[in-house]
Amino acid sequence: MTIKNNELWLKISNNQLNGRLAC
């Protein structure tokens, strides 16, 4: 996994976690 893909994956993971916390 490249650094760029890793950063994108982290961003998506954070968005999913934030969405769960919001709900």
PDB file of N, CA and C in Angstrom:
ATOM      1  N   MET A   1       0.852  -1.205   0.000  1.00  0.00           N
ATOM      2  CA  MET A   1       0.000   0.000   0.000  1.00  0.00           C
ATOM      3  C   MET A   1       0.885   1.252   0.000  1.00  0.00           C
ATOM      4  N   THR A   2       0.601   2.163  -0.898  1.00  0.00           N
ATOM      5  CA  THR A   2       1.409   3.384  -0.967  1.00  0.00           C
ATOM      6  C   THR A   2       0.995   4.353   0.133  1.00  0.00           C
ATOM      7  N   ILE A   3       1.832   5.336   0.388  1.00  0.00           N
ATOM      8  CA  ILE A   3       1.518   6.326   1.430  1.00  0.00           C
ATOM      9  C   ILE A   3       0.238   7.072   1.066  1.00  0.00           C
ATOM     10  N   LYS A   4       0.084   7.423  -0.206  1.00  0.00           N
ATOM     11  CA  LYS A   4      -1.119   8.167  -0.624  1.00  0.00           C
ATOM     12  C   LYS A   4      -2.363   7.339  -0.349  1.00  0.00           C
ATOM     13  N   ASN A   5      -2.340   6.072  -0.730  1.00  0.00           N
ATOM     14  CA  ASN A   5      -3.508   5.210  -0.502  1.00  0.00           C
ATOM     15  C   ASN A   5      -3.764   5.054   0.987  1.00  0.00           C
ATOM     16  N   ASN A   6      -2.676   4.978   1.772  1.00  0.00           N
ATOM     17  CA  ASN A   6      -2.829   4.810   3.216  1.00  0.00           C
ATOM     18  C   ASN A   6      -3.504   6.036   3.807  1.00  0.00           C
ATOM     19  N   GLU A   7      -3.083   7.219   3.376  1.00  0.00           N
ATOM     20  CA  GLU A   7      -3.693   8.460   3.885  1.00  0.00           C
ATOM     21  C   GLU A   7      -5.170   8.500   3.518  1.00  0.00           C
ATOM     22  N   LEU A   8      -5.487   8.110   2.278  1.00  0.00           N
ATOM     23  CA  LEU A   8      -6.886   8.124   1.840  1.00  0.00           C
ATOM     24  C   LEU A   8      -7.706   7.147   2.681  1.00  0.00           C
ATOM     25  N   TRP A   9      -7.122   5.965   2.937  1.00  0.00           N
ATOM     26  CA  TRP A   9      -7.825   4.963   3.742  1.00  0.00           C
ATOM     27  C   TRP A   9      -8.067   5.483   5.150  1.00  0.00           C
ATOM     28  N   LEU A  10      -7.064   6.177   5.710  1.00  0.00           N
ATOM     29  CA  LEU A  10      -7.214   6.740   7.060  1.00  0.00           C
ATOM     30  C   LEU A  10      -8.324   7.780   7.072  1.00  0.00           C
ATOM     31  N   LYS A  11      -8.374   8.601   6.027  1.00  0.00           N
ATOM     32  CA  LYS A  11      -9.423   9.634   5.956  1.00  0.00           C
ATOM     33  C   LYS A  11     -10.796   8.975   5.915  1.00  0.00           C
ATOM     34  N   ILE A  12     -10.935   7.933   5.114  1.00  0.00           N
ATOM     35  CA  ILE A  12     -12.221   7.238   5.005  1.00  0.00           C
ATOM     36  C   ILE A  12     -12.585   6.605   6.348  1.00  0.00           C
ATOM     37  N   SER A  13     -11.597   6.004   7.011  1.00  0.00           N
ATOM     38  CA  SER A  13     -11.849   5.369   8.308  1.00  0.00           C
ATOM     39  C   SER A  13     -12.301   6.408   9.317  1.00  0.00           C
ATOM     40  N   ASN A  14     -11.633   7.553   9.335  1.00  0.00           N
ATOM     41  CA  ASN A  14     -12.002   8.618  10.270  1.00  0.00           C
ATOM     42  C   ASN A  14     -13.421   9.086   9.991  1.00  0.00           C
ATOM     43  N   ASN A  15     -13.778   9.217   8.719  1.00  0.00           N
ATOM     44  CA  ASN A  15     -15.129   9.667   8.359  1.00  0.00           C
ATOM     45  C   ASN A  15     -16.165   8.655   8.857  1.00  0.00           C
ATOM     46  N   GLN A  16     -15.851   7.371   8.724  1.00  0.00           N
ATOM     47  CA  GLN A  16     -16.787   6.336   9.157  1.00  0.00           C
ATOM     48  C   GLN A  16     -16.936   6.369  10.672  1.00  0.00           C
ATOM     49  N   LEU A  17     -15.808   6.563  11.394  1.00  0.00           N
ATOM     50  CA  LEU A  17     -15.857   6.614  12.858  1.00  0.00           C
ATOM     51  C   LEU A  17     -16.652   7.826  13.299  1.00  0.00           C
ATOM     52  N   ASN A  18     -16.410   8.967  12.671  1.00  0.00           N
ATOM     53  CA  ASN A  18     -17.132  10.191  13.026  1.00  0.00           C
ATOM     54  C   ASN A  18     -18.621  10.001  12.769  1.00  0.00           C
ATOM     55  N   GLY A  19     -18.964   9.333  11.681  1.00  0.00           N
ATOM     56  CA  GLY A  19     -20.362   9.103  11.356  1.00  0.00           C
ATOM     57  C   GLY A  19     -21.020   8.229  12.416  1.00  0.00           C
ATOM     58  N   ARG A  20     -20.302   7.217  12.898  1.00  0.00           N
ATOM     59  CA  ARG A  20     -20.857   6.327  13.924  1.00  0.00           C
ATOM     60  C   ARG A  20     -21.058   7.101  15.218  1.00  0.00           C
ATOM     61  N   LEU A  21     -20.063   7.931  15.578  1.00  0.00           N
ATOM     62  CA  LEU A  21     -20.167   8.700  16.821  1.00  0.00           C
ATOM     63  C   LEU A  21     -21.322   9.688  16.718  1.00  0.00           C
ATOM     64  N   ALA A  22     -21.503  10.263  15.530  1.00  0.00           N
ATOM     65  CA  ALA A  22     -22.575  11.249  15.341  1.00  0.00           C
ATOM     66  C   ALA A  22     -23.928  10.559  15.517  1.00  0.00           C
ATOM     67  N   CYS A  23     -24.021   9.332  15.012  1.00  0.00           N
ATOM     68  CA  CYS A  23     -25.286   8.609  15.136  1.00  0.00           C
ATOM     69  C   CYS A  23     -25.417   8.082  16.553  1.00  0.00           C
TER      70      CYS A  23
END
